[in-house]
């Protein structure tokens, strides 16, 4: 069961008595909770028939009693339990879930983990409730997901602007959504988001960012790479070393996989190594410019400088100096 399917059923007035939302990705859980809290009931119905509990402060007895109430002036009532992962004695909700009231929609938000599959509660949920189990999206899935989100809002985005946005924010779907909404508010009548919009409204430089550093590294353009690193050195919050090193590791580790590929077209190679096709040109260029020994050496240097960045075998060299030294060694 997906968040989209649950909300789609609710829009059609198809309800189940119990919904259990769990897992690592808050964004989809929050989507369902938001709809349950503000859309299932009308404003007039909510005054009598909406109850919201928080796991840290809630008593299981109070929750069960609320669920067993009959709705007033409405066909149904909604009971929401937020932050259920912080609730003591949550297993005691099982007795109600075993025999739920059909006029109550009980929605539970159980973030950051999953209910123990061996427990009686888990078995009852699978039998009696609807379960949404979420997990973090893989990095290579983010561009397509973000593009679809923007299209669902009636807009489009250039490929480079898309990669700037995703590369800058990373795997935080809620923040991606919020930043997109901020851009759209300022877009006016235009329908296409450009890299200038991302620079202006999200606050990431279109010239000096980890994505551009990756391209400079792929092209073995030492002058451009140093210029970008100097910008990072002057603007530490723009791209801290602990953000840059994983980006470069991704570049060289994916390039390392290129050497074992027999396919030549970008889309097949992208599928085989698990990346967005947009990045394949960088991996191909890196493979040509560094060769197998150079890529292998770069991976070893990344490991060495990652240790130095946290103080291992280093007496306090600045992040900018570490990056410049590492990049120069890679491009020799």
C-alpha atoms as a PDB file:
ATOM      1  CA  UNK A   1       0.000   0.000   0.000  1.00  0.00           C
ATOM      2  CA  UNK A   2       1.373   3.430  -0.986  1.00  0.00           C
ATOM      3  CA  UNK A   3       0.592   6.907   0.352  1.00  0.00           C
ATOM      4  CA  UNK A   4      -0.852   7.793  -3.055  1.00  0.00           C
ATOM      5  CA  UNK A   5      -3.177   4.751  -2.980  1.00  0.00           C
ATOM      6  CA  UNK A   6      -4.381   5.457   0.582  1.00  0.00           C
ATOM      7  CA  UNK A   7      -5.162   9.103  -0.195  1.00  0.00           C
ATOM      8  CA  UNK A   8      -6.733   8.092  -3.527  1.00  0.00           C
ATOM      9  CA  UNK A   9      -9.081   5.687  -1.699  1.00  0.00           C
ATOM     10  CA  UNK A  10      -9.982   8.364   0.829  1.00  0.00           C
ATOM     11  CA  UNK A  11     -10.872  10.802  -1.952  1.00  0.00           C
ATOM     12  CA  UNK A  12     -13.279   8.140  -3.219  1.00  0.00           C
ATOM     13  CA  UNK A  13     -14.722   7.787   0.317  1.00  0.00           C
ATOM     14  CA  UNK A  14     -13.290   4.286   0.678  1.00  0.00           C
ATOM     15  CA  UNK A  15     -12.123   3.872   4.271  1.00  0.00           C
ATOM     16  CA  UNK A  16     -10.683   1.107   6.415  1.00  0.00           C
ATOM     17  CA  UNK A  17     -10.854   1.187  10.227  1.00  0.00           C
ATOM     18  CA  UNK A  18      -7.069   1.110  10.847  1.00  0.00           C
ATOM     19  CA  UNK A  19      -4.070   2.585   9.011  1.00  0.00           C
ATOM     20  CA  UNK A  20      -0.536   1.958  10.274  1.00  0.00           C
ATOM     21  CA  UNK A  21       2.166   4.183   8.733  1.00  0.00           C
ATOM     22  CA  UNK A  22       5.743   3.165   9.524  1.00  0.00           C
ATOM     23  CA  UNK A  23       9.324   3.328   8.293  1.00  0.00           C
ATOM     24  CA  UNK A  24      12.251   5.610   7.559  1.00  0.00           C
ATOM     25  CA  UNK A  25      10.755   8.126   5.091  1.00  0.00           C
ATOM     26  CA  UNK A  26       8.766  10.787   6.944  1.00  0.00           C
ATOM     27  CA  UNK A  27       7.565  12.546   3.805  1.00  0.00           C
ATOM     28  CA  UNK A  28       5.028   9.896   2.754  1.00  0.00           C
ATOM     29  CA  UNK A  29       3.838   9.352   6.328  1.00  0.00           C
ATOM     30  CA  UNK A  30       3.338  13.108   6.764  1.00  0.00           C
ATOM     31  CA  UNK A  31       1.374  13.262   3.496  1.00  0.00           C
ATOM     32  CA  UNK A  32      -1.147  10.729   4.767  1.00  0.00           C
ATOM     33  CA  UNK A  33      -1.383  12.258   8.246  1.00  0.00           C
ATOM     34  CA  UNK A  34      -1.887  15.729   6.768  1.00  0.00           C
ATOM     35  CA  UNK A  35      -4.769  14.487   4.616  1.00  0.00           C
ATOM     36  CA  UNK A  36      -6.335  12.516   7.469  1.00  0.00           C
ATOM     37  CA  UNK A  37      -6.208  15.515   9.778  1.00  0.00           C
ATOM     38  CA  UNK A  38      -7.471  18.174   7.383  1.00  0.00           C
ATOM     39  CA  UNK A  39      -9.367  16.578   4.504  1.00  0.00           C
ATOM     40  CA  UNK A  40     -11.380  13.506   5.552  1.00  0.00           C
ATOM     41  CA  UNK A  41     -13.814  15.481   7.692  1.00  0.00           C
ATOM     42  CA  UNK A  42     -15.367  18.844   6.965  1.00  0.00           C
ATOM     43  CA  UNK A  43     -14.477  21.748   9.245  1.00  0.00           C
ATOM     44  CA  UNK A  44     -17.837  21.426  11.001  1.00  0.00           C
ATOM     45  CA  UNK A  45     -17.411  17.652  11.490  1.00  0.00           C
ATOM     46  CA  UNK A  46     -13.855  18.003  12.823  1.00  0.00           C
ATOM     47  CA  UNK A  47     -14.974  19.937  15.893  1.00  0.00           C
ATOM     48  CA  UNK A  48     -16.716  16.841  17.277  1.00  0.00           C
ATOM     49  CA  UNK A  49     -15.073  13.969  15.443  1.00  0.00           C
ATOM     50  CA  UNK A  50     -11.321  14.569  15.174  1.00  0.00           C
ATOM     51  CA  UNK A  51      -8.976  13.580  17.982  1.00  0.00           C
ATOM     52  CA  UNK A  52      -5.165  13.828  17.776  1.00  0.00           C
ATOM     53  CA  UNK A  53      -2.831  12.107  20.268  1.00  0.00           C
ATOM     54  CA  UNK A  54       0.967  12.210  20.631  1.00  0.00           C
ATOM     55  CA  UNK A  55       2.806   9.022  21.546  1.00  0.00           C
ATOM     56  CA  UNK A  56       5.038  10.536  24.231  1.00  0.00           C
ATOM     57  CA  UNK A  57       2.074  11.828  26.260  1.00  0.00           C
ATOM     58  CA  UNK A  58      -0.722   9.463  25.258  1.00  0.00           C
ATOM     59  CA  UNK A  59      -2.229   6.652  27.301  1.00  0.00           C
ATOM     60  CA  UNK A  60      -3.283   3.573  25.368  1.00  0.00           C
ATOM     61  CA  UNK A  61      -6.501   3.482  27.402  1.00  0.00           C
ATOM     62  CA  UNK A  62      -7.426   7.029  26.316  1.00  0.00           C
ATOM     63  CA  UNK A  63      -6.714   6.180  22.688  1.00  0.00           C
ATOM     64  CA  UNK A  64      -8.803   3.012  22.752  1.00  0.00           C
ATOM     65  CA  UNK A  65     -11.677   4.836  24.473  1.00  0.00           C
ATOM     66  CA  UNK A  66     -11.521   7.568  21.824  1.00  0.00           C
ATOM     67  CA  UNK A  67     -11.598   4.978  19.046  1.00  0.00           C
ATOM     68  CA  UNK A  68     -14.644   3.294  20.611  1.00  0.00           C
ATOM     69  CA  UNK A  69     -16.688   6.496  20.653  1.00  0.00           C
ATOM     70  CA  UNK A  70     -19.411   6.873  18.056  1.00  0.00           C
ATOM     71  CA  UNK A  71     -19.281   9.906  15.759  1.00  0.00           C
ATOM     72  CA  UNK A  72     -21.501  12.927  16.367  1.00  0.00           C
ATOM     73  CA  UNK A  73     -23.401  14.497  13.460  1.00  0.00           C
ATOM     74  CA  UNK A  74     -21.197  12.585  11.008  1.00  0.00           C
ATOM     75  CA  UNK A  75     -20.858   9.145   9.441  1.00  0.00           C
ATOM     76  CA  UNK A  76     -17.371   8.690  10.837  1.00  0.00           C
ATOM     77  CA  UNK A  77     -14.742  10.020  13.218  1.00  0.00           C
ATOM     78  CA  UNK A  78     -10.954  10.253  12.795  1.00  0.00           C
ATOM     79  CA  UNK A  79      -8.478   9.382  15.552  1.00  0.00           C
ATOM     80  CA  UNK A  80      -4.807  10.119  14.832  1.00  0.00           C
ATOM     81  CA  UNK A  81      -1.826   8.926  16.857  1.00  0.00           C
ATOM     82  CA  UNK A  82       1.331  10.871  15.958  1.00  0.00           C
ATOM     83  CA  UNK A  83       4.872   9.912  17.040  1.00  0.00           C
ATOM     84  CA  UNK A  84       3.632   6.481  18.049  1.00  0.00           C
ATOM     85  CA  UNK A  85       7.223   5.201  18.184  1.00  0.00           C
ATOM     86  CA  UNK A  86       7.595   7.155  21.451  1.00  0.00           C
ATOM     87  CA  UNK A  87       4.570   5.568  23.110  1.00  0.00           C
ATOM     88  CA  UNK A  88       4.840   3.108  25.965  1.00  0.00           C
ATOM     89  CA  UNK A  89       2.647  -0.005  25.945  1.00  0.00           C
ATOM     90  CA  UNK A  90       1.813   0.470  22.278  1.00  0.00           C
ATOM     91  CA  UNK A  91       1.294  -3.293  21.986  1.00  0.00           C
ATOM     92  CA  UNK A  92      -1.856  -2.855  24.076  1.00  0.00           C
ATOM     93  CA  UNK A  93      -3.551  -1.195  21.105  1.00  0.00           C
ATOM     94  CA  UNK A  94      -3.696  -4.665  19.560  1.00  0.00           C
ATOM     95  CA  UNK A  95      -6.939  -5.544  21.357  1.00  0.00           C
ATOM     96  CA  UNK A  96      -8.730  -2.628  19.670  1.00  0.00           C
ATOM     97  CA  UNK A  97      -7.118  -3.271  16.262  1.00  0.00           C
ATOM     98  CA  UNK A  98      -8.369  -6.874  16.500  1.00  0.00           C
ATOM     99  CA  UNK A  99     -11.954  -5.583  16.783  1.00  0.00           C
ATOM    100  CA  UNK A 100     -12.044  -2.006  15.420  1.00  0.00           C
ATOM    101  CA  UNK A 101     -15.148   0.149  15.159  1.00  0.00           C
ATOM    102  CA  UNK A 102     -16.198   0.571  11.525  1.00  0.00           C
ATOM    103  CA  UNK A 103     -17.222   4.213  12.054  1.00  0.00           C
ATOM    104  CA  UNK A 104     -13.722   5.150  13.328  1.00  0.00           C
ATOM    105  CA  UNK A 105     -10.732   5.805  11.088  1.00  0.00           C
ATOM    106  CA  UNK A 106      -7.688   5.179  13.279  1.00  0.00           C
ATOM    107  CA  UNK A 107      -4.432   6.440  11.729  1.00  0.00           C
ATOM    108  CA  UNK A 108      -1.077   5.740  13.406  1.00  0.00           C
ATOM    109  CA  UNK A 109       2.218   7.460  12.525  1.00  0.00           C
ATOM    110  CA  UNK A 110       5.117   5.207  13.607  1.00  0.00           C
ATOM    111  CA  UNK A 111       8.207   6.920  12.203  1.00  0.00           C
ATOM    112  CA  UNK A 112      11.858   5.880  11.893  1.00  0.00           C
ATOM    113  CA  UNK A 113      11.300   2.167  12.428  1.00  0.00           C
ATOM    114  CA  UNK A 114       8.936  -0.735  11.844  1.00  0.00           C
ATOM    115  CA  UNK A 115       6.794  -2.699  14.254  1.00  0.00           C
ATOM    116  CA  UNK A 116       8.396  -5.994  15.299  1.00  0.00           C
ATOM    117  CA  UNK A 117       7.171  -8.486  12.700  1.00  0.00           C
ATOM    118  CA  UNK A 118       7.180 -11.295  15.269  1.00  0.00           C
ATOM    119  CA  UNK A 119       4.786  -9.510  17.620  1.00  0.00           C
ATOM    120  CA  UNK A 120       1.080 -10.156  17.936  1.00  0.00           C
ATOM    121  CA  UNK A 121       0.481  -6.505  17.081  1.00  0.00           C
ATOM    122  CA  UNK A 122       2.236  -6.880  13.720  1.00  0.00           C
ATOM    123  CA  UNK A 123       0.270 -10.012  12.855  1.00  0.00           C
ATOM    124  CA  UNK A 124      -3.015  -8.324  13.768  1.00  0.00           C
ATOM    125  CA  UNK A 125      -2.127  -5.234  11.724  1.00  0.00           C
ATOM    126  CA  UNK A 126      -1.431  -7.345   8.647  1.00  0.00           C
ATOM    127  CA  UNK A 127      -4.767  -9.080   9.058  1.00  0.00           C
ATOM    128  CA  UNK A 128      -7.017  -6.207  10.134  1.00  0.00           C
ATOM    129  CA  UNK A 129      -5.327  -2.965   9.058  1.00  0.00           C
ATOM    130  CA  UNK A 130      -3.828  -1.197   6.060  1.00  0.00           C
ATOM    131  CA  UNK A 131      -0.056  -0.815   6.387  1.00  0.00           C
ATOM    132  CA  UNK A 132       2.244   1.698   4.714  1.00  0.00           C
ATOM    133  CA  UNK A 133       5.917   0.789   5.153  1.00  0.00           C
ATOM    134  CA  UNK A 134       8.296   3.467   3.869  1.00  0.00           C
ATOM    135  CA  UNK A 135      12.030   3.465   3.264  1.00  0.00           C
ATOM    136  CA  UNK A 136      14.533   6.084   2.198  1.00  0.00           C
ATOM    137  CA  UNK A 137      14.704   6.680  -1.526  1.00  0.00           C
ATOM    138  CA  UNK A 138      17.956   5.766  -3.269  1.00  0.00           C
ATOM    139  CA  UNK A 139      19.963   8.749  -4.542  1.00  0.00           C
ATOM    140  CA  UNK A 140      19.624   7.635  -8.161  1.00  0.00           C
ATOM    141  CA  UNK A 141      15.811   7.706  -7.779  1.00  0.00           C
ATOM    142  CA  UNK A 142      15.698  11.320  -6.555  1.00  0.00           C
ATOM    143  CA  UNK A 143      15.885  13.119  -9.947  1.00  0.00           C
ATOM    144  CA  UNK A 144      12.959  11.185 -11.443  1.00  0.00           C
ATOM    145  CA  UNK A 145      10.890  11.529  -8.262  1.00  0.00           C
ATOM    146  CA  UNK A 146      11.590  15.265  -8.066  1.00  0.00           C
ATOM    147  CA  UNK A 147      10.783  15.755 -11.738  1.00  0.00           C
ATOM    148  CA  UNK A 148       7.453  13.938 -11.307  1.00  0.00           C
ATOM    149  CA  UNK A 149       6.666  16.046  -8.234  1.00  0.00           C
ATOM    150  CA  UNK A 150       7.264  19.246 -10.197  1.00  0.00           C
ATOM    151  CA  UNK A 151       5.115  17.977 -13.077  1.00  0.00           C
ATOM    152  CA  UNK A 152       2.315  17.168 -10.616  1.00  0.00           C
ATOM    153  CA  UNK A 153       2.369  20.862  -9.669  1.00  0.00           C
ATOM    154  CA  UNK A 154       1.886  21.842 -13.313  1.00  0.00           C
ATOM    155  CA  UNK A 155       5.478  22.981 -13.938  1.00  0.00           C
ATOM    156  CA  UNK A 156       8.665  21.690 -15.552  1.00  0.00           C
ATOM    157  CA  UNK A 157      12.378  22.003 -14.788  1.00  0.00           C
ATOM    158  CA  UNK A 158      15.528  21.985 -16.902  1.00  0.00           C
ATOM    159  CA  UNK A 159      17.799  18.971 -16.478  1.00  0.00           C
ATOM    160  CA  UNK A 160      20.684  20.977 -15.036  1.00  0.00           C
ATOM    161  CA  UNK A 161      18.418  22.853 -12.627  1.00  0.00           C
ATOM    162  CA  UNK A 162      16.992  19.513 -11.504  1.00  0.00           C
ATOM    163  CA  UNK A 163      20.435  18.082 -10.802  1.00  0.00           C
ATOM    164  CA  UNK A 164      21.514  21.261  -8.969  1.00  0.00           C
ATOM    165  CA  UNK A 165      18.469  21.049  -6.720  1.00  0.00           C
ATOM    166  CA  UNK A 166      18.786  17.346  -5.948  1.00  0.00           C
ATOM    167  CA  UNK A 167      22.547  17.457  -5.503  1.00  0.00           C
ATOM    168  CA  UNK A 168      22.286  20.436  -3.134  1.00  0.00           C
ATOM    169  CA  UNK A 169      19.507  19.046  -0.922  1.00  0.00           C
ATOM    170  CA  UNK A 170      20.149  15.313  -1.046  1.00  0.00           C
ATOM    171  CA  UNK A 171      17.771  12.686   0.261  1.00  0.00           C
ATOM    172  CA  UNK A 172      15.319  14.915   2.132  1.00  0.00           C
ATOM    173  CA  UNK A 173      11.992  14.693   0.315  1.00  0.00           C
ATOM    174  CA  UNK A 174      10.199  17.131   2.595  1.00  0.00           C
ATOM    175  CA  UNK A 175      12.841  19.779   2.037  1.00  0.00           C
ATOM    176  CA  UNK A 176      12.854  19.161  -1.726  1.00  0.00           C
ATOM    177  CA  UNK A 177       9.091  19.708  -1.754  1.00  0.00           C
ATOM    178  CA  UNK A 178       9.358  22.869   0.366  1.00  0.00           C
ATOM    179  CA  UNK A 179      12.118  24.341  -1.804  1.00  0.00           C
ATOM    180  CA  UNK A 180      10.125  23.614  -4.965  1.00  0.00           C
ATOM    181  CA  UNK A 181       7.083  25.370  -3.493  1.00  0.00           C
ATOM    182  CA  UNK A 182       9.283  28.368  -2.616  1.00  0.00           C
ATOM    183  CA  UNK A 183      10.570  28.545  -6.188  1.00  0.00           C
ATOM    184  CA  UNK A 184       7.069  28.240  -7.660  1.00  0.00           C
ATOM    185  CA  UNK A 185       5.769  31.116  -5.538  1.00  0.00           C
ATOM    186  CA  UNK A 186       8.406  33.320  -7.159  1.00  0.00           C
ATOM    187  CA  UNK A 187       8.102  31.924 -10.686  1.00  0.00           C
ATOM    188  CA  UNK A 188       5.168  34.087 -11.746  1.00  0.00           C
ATOM    189  CA  UNK A 189       3.620  33.114 -15.072  1.00  0.00           C
ATOM    190  CA  UNK A 190       6.602  31.045 -16.203  1.00  0.00           C
ATOM    191  CA  UNK A 191       6.156  27.292 -16.167  1.00  0.00           C
ATOM    192  CA  UNK A 192       9.781  26.111 -16.458  1.00  0.00           C
ATOM    193  CA  UNK A 193      12.253  26.236 -13.549  1.00  0.00           C
ATOM    194  CA  UNK A 194      15.782  27.167 -14.642  1.00  0.00           C
ATOM    195  CA  UNK A 195      19.165  26.907 -12.937  1.00  0.00           C
ATOM    196  CA  UNK A 196      18.984  30.682 -12.367  1.00  0.00           C
ATOM    197  CA  UNK A 197      15.810  30.109 -10.327  1.00  0.00           C
ATOM    198  CA  UNK A 198      17.529  27.436  -8.238  1.00  0.00           C
ATOM    199  CA  UNK A 199      20.481  29.756  -7.628  1.00  0.00           C
ATOM    200  CA  UNK A 200      18.282  32.718  -6.689  1.00  0.00           C
ATOM    201  CA  UNK A 201      15.577  31.077  -4.578  1.00  0.00           C
ATOM    202  CA  UNK A 202      17.241  27.929  -3.175  1.00  0.00           C
ATOM    203  CA  UNK A 203      20.609  29.570  -2.570  1.00  0.00           C
ATOM    204  CA  UNK A 204      22.992  27.262  -4.421  1.00  0.00           C
ATOM    205  CA  UNK A 205      25.523  28.749  -6.819  1.00  0.00           C
ATOM    206  CA  UNK A 206      25.084  27.439 -10.352  1.00  0.00           C
ATOM    207  CA  UNK A 207      28.837  27.753 -10.959  1.00  0.00           C
ATOM    208  CA  UNK A 208      30.322  26.724  -7.618  1.00  0.00           C
ATOM    209  CA  UNK A 209      28.733  23.576  -6.227  1.00  0.00           C
ATOM    210  CA  UNK A 210      29.613  19.882  -5.765  1.00  0.00           C
ATOM    211  CA  UNK A 211      27.891  19.041  -9.067  1.00  0.00           C
ATOM    212  CA  UNK A 212      30.183  21.445 -10.985  1.00  0.00           C
ATOM    213  CA  UNK A 213      33.225  20.174  -9.072  1.00  0.00           C
ATOM    214  CA  UNK A 214      32.316  16.647 -10.157  1.00  0.00           C
ATOM    215  CA  UNK A 215      32.158  17.793 -13.791  1.00  0.00           C
ATOM    216  CA  UNK A 216      35.535  19.528 -13.468  1.00  0.00           C
ATOM    217  CA  UNK A 217      37.039  16.387 -11.957  1.00  0.00           C
ATOM    218  CA  UNK A 218      35.572  14.238 -14.727  1.00  0.00           C
ATOM    219  CA  UNK A 219      37.098  16.537 -17.361  1.00  0.00           C
ATOM    220  CA  UNK A 220      40.399  16.579 -15.428  1.00  0.00           C
ATOM    221  CA  UNK A 221      40.191  20.370 -15.449  1.00  0.00           C
ATOM    222  CA  UNK A 222      42.502  21.266 -12.550  1.00  0.00           C
ATOM    223  CA  UNK A 223      42.118  25.053 -12.911  1.00  0.00           C
ATOM    224  CA  UNK A 224      38.322  24.908 -12.724  1.00  0.00           C
ATOM    225  CA  UNK A 225      38.372  22.414  -9.846  1.00  0.00           C
ATOM    226  CA  UNK A 226      40.719  24.662  -7.830  1.00  0.00           C
ATOM    227  CA  UNK A 227      38.552  27.705  -8.535  1.00  0.00           C
ATOM    228  CA  UNK A 228      35.481  25.881  -7.197  1.00  0.00           C
ATOM    229  CA  UNK A 229      37.369  24.660  -4.112  1.00  0.00           C
ATOM    230  CA  UNK A 230      38.529  28.225  -3.428  1.00  0.00           C
ATOM    231  CA  UNK A 231      34.859  29.289  -3.467  1.00  0.00           C
ATOM    232  CA  UNK A 232      34.044  26.520  -0.966  1.00  0.00           C
ATOM    233  CA  UNK A 233      36.960  27.661   1.178  1.00  0.00           C
ATOM    234  CA  UNK A 234      35.574  31.208   1.255  1.00  0.00           C
ATOM    235  CA  UNK A 235      31.999  29.969   1.802  1.00  0.00           C
ATOM    236  CA  UNK A 236      32.263  26.979   4.194  1.00  0.00           C
ATOM    237  CA  UNK A 237      28.495  26.475   4.424  1.00  0.00           C
ATOM    238  CA  UNK A 238      28.150  26.136   0.639  1.00  0.00           C
ATOM    239  CA  UNK A 239      29.754  22.686   0.531  1.00  0.00           C
ATOM    240  CA  UNK A 240      31.501  21.285   3.629  1.00  0.00           C
ATOM    241  CA  UNK A 241      34.150  18.652   3.008  1.00  0.00           C
ATOM    242  CA  UNK A 242      31.908  15.909   4.401  1.00  0.00           C
ATOM    243  CA  UNK A 243      29.458  16.673   1.578  1.00  0.00           C
ATOM    244  CA  UNK A 244      32.115  16.923  -1.141  1.00  0.00           C
ATOM    245  CA  UNK A 245      33.996  13.697  -0.380  1.00  0.00           C
ATOM    246  CA  UNK A 246      30.919  11.425  -0.815  1.00  0.00           C
ATOM    247  CA  UNK A 247      30.123  13.223  -4.096  1.00  0.00           C
ATOM    248  CA  UNK A 248      33.613  12.512  -5.438  1.00  0.00           C
ATOM    249  CA  UNK A 249      33.544   8.966  -4.081  1.00  0.00           C
ATOM    250  CA  UNK A 250      30.309   8.416  -5.989  1.00  0.00           C
ATOM    251  CA  UNK A 251      31.946   9.741  -9.173  1.00  0.00           C
ATOM    252  CA  UNK A 252      34.966   7.445  -8.986  1.00  0.00           C
ATOM    253  CA  UNK A 253      33.164   4.371  -7.603  1.00  0.00           C
ATOM    254  CA  UNK A 254      30.561   4.519 -10.395  1.00  0.00           C
ATOM    255  CA  UNK A 255      33.338   5.087 -12.936  1.00  0.00           C
ATOM    256  CA  UNK A 256      35.100   2.016 -11.533  1.00  0.00           C
ATOM    257  CA  UNK A 257      31.971   0.033 -12.458  1.00  0.00           C
ATOM    258  CA  UNK A 258      32.088   1.425 -16.014  1.00  0.00           C
ATOM    259  CA  UNK A 259      35.184  -0.644 -16.779  1.00  0.00           C
ATOM    260  CA  UNK A 260      33.183  -3.840 -16.395  1.00  0.00           C
ATOM    261  CA  UNK A 261      30.397  -2.772 -18.760  1.00  0.00           C
ATOM    262  CA  UNK A 262      29.994  -4.239 -22.231  1.00  0.00           C
ATOM    263  CA  UNK A 263      27.034  -2.004 -23.113  1.00  0.00           C
ATOM    264  CA  UNK A 264      27.868   1.259 -24.870  1.00  0.00           C
ATOM    265  CA  UNK A 265      24.623   3.294 -24.821  1.00  0.00           C
ATOM    266  CA  UNK A 266      24.155   5.664 -21.881  1.00  0.00           C
ATOM    267  CA  UNK A 267      20.728   4.419 -20.781  1.00  0.00           C
ATOM    268  CA  UNK A 268      21.761   0.754 -20.544  1.00  0.00           C
ATOM    269  CA  UNK A 269      24.974   1.646 -18.706  1.00  0.00           C
ATOM    270  CA  UNK A 270      22.993   3.891 -16.325  1.00  0.00           C
ATOM    271  CA  UNK A 271      20.575   1.062 -15.547  1.00  0.00           C
ATOM    272  CA  UNK A 272      23.394  -1.435 -15.006  1.00  0.00           C
ATOM    273  CA  UNK A 273      25.304   0.744 -12.534  1.00  0.00           C
ATOM    274  CA  UNK A 274      22.217   2.245 -10.868  1.00  0.00           C
ATOM    275  CA  UNK A 275      22.494   5.940 -11.773  1.00  0.00           C
ATOM    276  CA  UNK A 276      20.506   8.616 -13.584  1.00  0.00           C
ATOM    277  CA  UNK A 277      21.425   8.690 -17.321  1.00  0.00           C
ATOM    278  CA  UNK A 278      22.250  12.411 -16.997  1.00  0.00           C
ATOM    279  CA  UNK A 279      25.427  11.531 -15.070  1.00  0.00           C
ATOM    280  CA  UNK A 280      26.730   8.813 -17.385  1.00  0.00           C
ATOM    281  CA  UNK A 281      28.629  11.299 -19.556  1.00  0.00           C
ATOM    282  CA  UNK A 282      30.663  12.318 -16.488  1.00  0.00           C
ATOM    283  CA  UNK A 283      31.483   8.698 -15.664  1.00  0.00           C
ATOM    284  CA  UNK A 284      32.456   7.969 -19.262  1.00  0.00           C
ATOM    285  CA  UNK A 285      34.672  11.064 -19.354  1.00  0.00           C
ATOM    286  CA  UNK A 286      36.293  10.100 -16.045  1.00  0.00           C
ATOM    287  CA  UNK A 287      37.025   6.605 -17.355  1.00  0.00           C
ATOM    288  CA  UNK A 288      38.682   8.068 -20.486  1.00  0.00           C
ATOM    289  CA  UNK A 289      40.655  10.766 -18.679  1.00  0.00           C
ATOM    290  CA  UNK A 290      41.923   8.768 -15.705  1.00  0.00           C
ATOM    291  CA  UNK A 291      42.008   5.187 -16.940  1.00  0.00           C
ATOM    292  CA  UNK A 292      41.675   2.204 -14.636  1.00  0.00           C
ATOM    293  CA  UNK A 293      44.859   2.926 -12.596  1.00  0.00           C
ATOM    294  CA  UNK A 294      43.889   6.585 -12.122  1.00  0.00           C
ATOM    295  CA  UNK A 295      40.382   5.729 -10.885  1.00  0.00           C
ATOM    296  CA  UNK A 296      41.766   3.121  -8.504  1.00  0.00           C
ATOM    297  CA  UNK A 297      44.290   5.659  -7.184  1.00  0.00           C
ATOM    298  CA  UNK A 298      41.540   8.282  -6.744  1.00  0.00           C
ATOM    299  CA  UNK A 299      39.469   5.891  -4.620  1.00  0.00           C
ATOM    300  CA  UNK A 300      42.469   5.200  -2.378  1.00  0.00           C
ATOM    301  CA  UNK A 301      43.137   8.942  -2.034  1.00  0.00           C
ATOM    302  CA  UNK A 302      39.500   9.573  -1.104  1.00  0.00           C
ATOM    303  CA  UNK A 303      39.755   7.030   1.690  1.00  0.00           C
ATOM    304  CA  UNK A 304      43.022   8.582   2.909  1.00  0.00           C
ATOM    305  CA  UNK A 305      41.697  12.152   2.874  1.00  0.00           C
ATOM    306  CA  UNK A 306      38.403  11.180   4.456  1.00  0.00           C
ATOM    307  CA  UNK A 307      40.427   9.955   7.453  1.00  0.00           C
ATOM    308  CA  UNK A 308      42.474  13.174   7.446  1.00  0.00           C
ATOM    309  CA  UNK A 309      39.280  15.265   7.395  1.00  0.00           C
ATOM    310  CA  UNK A 310      38.274  13.762  10.761  1.00  0.00           C
ATOM    311  CA  UNK A 311      41.724  14.190  12.279  1.00  0.00           C
ATOM    312  CA  UNK A 312      43.371  10.835  11.590  1.00  0.00           C
ATOM    313  CA  UNK A 313      47.067  11.271  10.666  1.00  0.00           C
ATOM    314  CA  UNK A 314      46.544  15.019  10.303  1.00  0.00           C
ATOM    315  CA  UNK A 315      47.385  17.881  12.639  1.00  0.00           C
ATOM    316  CA  UNK A 316      44.606  20.300  11.731  1.00  0.00           C
ATOM    317  CA  UNK A 317      45.010  21.103   8.027  1.00  0.00           C
ATOM    318  CA  UNK A 318      42.067  23.189   6.790  1.00  0.00           C
ATOM    319  CA  UNK A 319      39.359  21.498   4.720  1.00  0.00           C
ATOM    320  CA  UNK A 320      40.169  23.662   1.710  1.00  0.00           C
ATOM    321  CA  UNK A 321      43.860  22.750   1.828  1.00  0.00           C
ATOM    322  CA  UNK A 322      43.022  19.047   2.138  1.00  0.00           C
ATOM    323  CA  UNK A 323      40.758  19.220  -0.911  1.00  0.00           C
ATOM    324  CA  UNK A 324      43.311  21.105  -3.004  1.00  0.00           C
ATOM    325  CA  UNK A 325      46.067  18.644  -2.069  1.00  0.00           C
ATOM    326  CA  UNK A 326      43.880  15.619  -2.795  1.00  0.00           C
ATOM    327  CA  UNK A 327      42.597  16.917  -6.143  1.00  0.00           C
ATOM    328  CA  UNK A 328      46.092  17.837  -7.296  1.00  0.00           C
ATOM    329  CA  UNK A 329      47.312  14.304  -6.526  1.00  0.00           C
ATOM    330  CA  UNK A 330      44.367  12.788  -8.385  1.00  0.00           C
ATOM    331  CA  UNK A 331      45.069  14.791 -11.533  1.00  0.00           C
ATOM    332  CA  UNK A 332      48.831  14.183 -11.689  1.00  0.00           C
END
